[in-house]
Amino acid sequence: MAKTTITFEFEKQNKNSVRYKEIPKEGMPPILGSIYVQKWFAGDSKTIEVTIDKKN
């Protein structure tokens, strides 16, 4: 199992969601790229973190 935490920063706001852009780790390509989070959850957050747990 490999766990990794990815940091995202605010990119733009849509009608019902907020788009966040991944901040890749130094020298690494993005894992997810951009993600959309519903406004009711994202609120006014300028950064969010997502943890992925890869299972075999």
Protein backbone atom coordinates (compact mmCIF):
# COMPACT_ATOMS: atom_id res chain seq x y z
CA MET A 1 0.00 0.00 0.00
CA ALA A 2 1.22 3.49 -0.85
CA LYS A 3 -0.38 6.62 0.57
CA THR A 4 0.26 10.03 -0.89
CA THR A 5 -1.18 13.45 -0.11
CA ILE A 6 -1.71 15.87 -2.98
CA THR A 7 -2.08 19.63 -2.49
CA PHE A 8 -4.38 21.67 -4.71
CA GLU A 9 -4.78 25.45 -5.06
CA PHE A 10 -7.84 27.45 -6.10
CA GLU A 11 -8.12 27.89 -9.86
CA LYS A 12 -11.65 29.12 -10.60
CA GLN A 13 -15.22 29.09 -9.37
CA ASN A 14 -18.21 27.77 -11.33
CA LYS A 15 -21.93 27.92 -10.58
CA ASN A 16 -21.99 24.97 -8.15
CA SER A 17 -18.36 23.91 -7.86
CA VAL A 18 -14.80 25.13 -7.39
CA ARG A 19 -11.91 23.94 -9.56
CA TYR A 20 -8.57 23.31 -7.90
CA LYS A 21 -5.25 22.83 -9.69
CA GLU A 22 -2.71 20.31 -8.41
CA ILE A 23 0.62 21.58 -7.11
CA PRO A 24 2.98 18.76 -8.15
CA LYS A 25 5.94 17.79 -6.00
CA GLU A 26 9.35 18.99 -7.21
CA GLY A 27 10.48 17.06 -10.28
CA MET A 28 7.30 14.95 -10.49
CA PRO A 29 4.41 15.11 -12.99
CA PRO A 30 0.86 15.78 -11.71
CA ILE A 31 -1.05 12.75 -10.41
CA LEU A 32 -4.62 14.05 -10.78
CA GLY A 33 -4.27 17.44 -12.48
CA SER A 34 -7.40 19.47 -11.70
CA ILE A 35 -10.37 18.46 -9.58
CA TYR A 36 -13.82 19.90 -8.99
CA VAL A 37 -15.22 20.17 -5.45
CA GLN A 38 -18.79 21.17 -4.69
CA LYS A 39 -19.15 24.71 -3.27
CA TRP A 40 -21.05 23.55 -0.20
CA PHE A 41 -17.93 21.59 0.86
CA ALA A 42 -15.12 23.79 -0.51
CA GLY A 43 -16.43 27.03 1.00
CA ASP A 44 -13.78 29.76 0.74
CA SER A 45 -10.77 27.41 0.90
CA LYS A 46 -7.86 28.55 -1.25
CA THR A 47 -6.01 25.23 -0.84
CA ILE A 48 -7.14 21.67 -0.20
CA GLU A 49 -5.37 18.35 0.29
CA VAL A 50 -6.45 14.95 -1.00
CA THR A 51 -4.95 11.70 0.31
CA ILE A 52 -4.87 8.68 -1.98
CA ASP A 53 -4.31 5.21 -0.61
CA LYS A 54 -3.19 2.85 -3.38
CA LYS A 55 -4.10 -0.77 -2.61
CA ASN A 56 -2.79 -3.85 -4.36
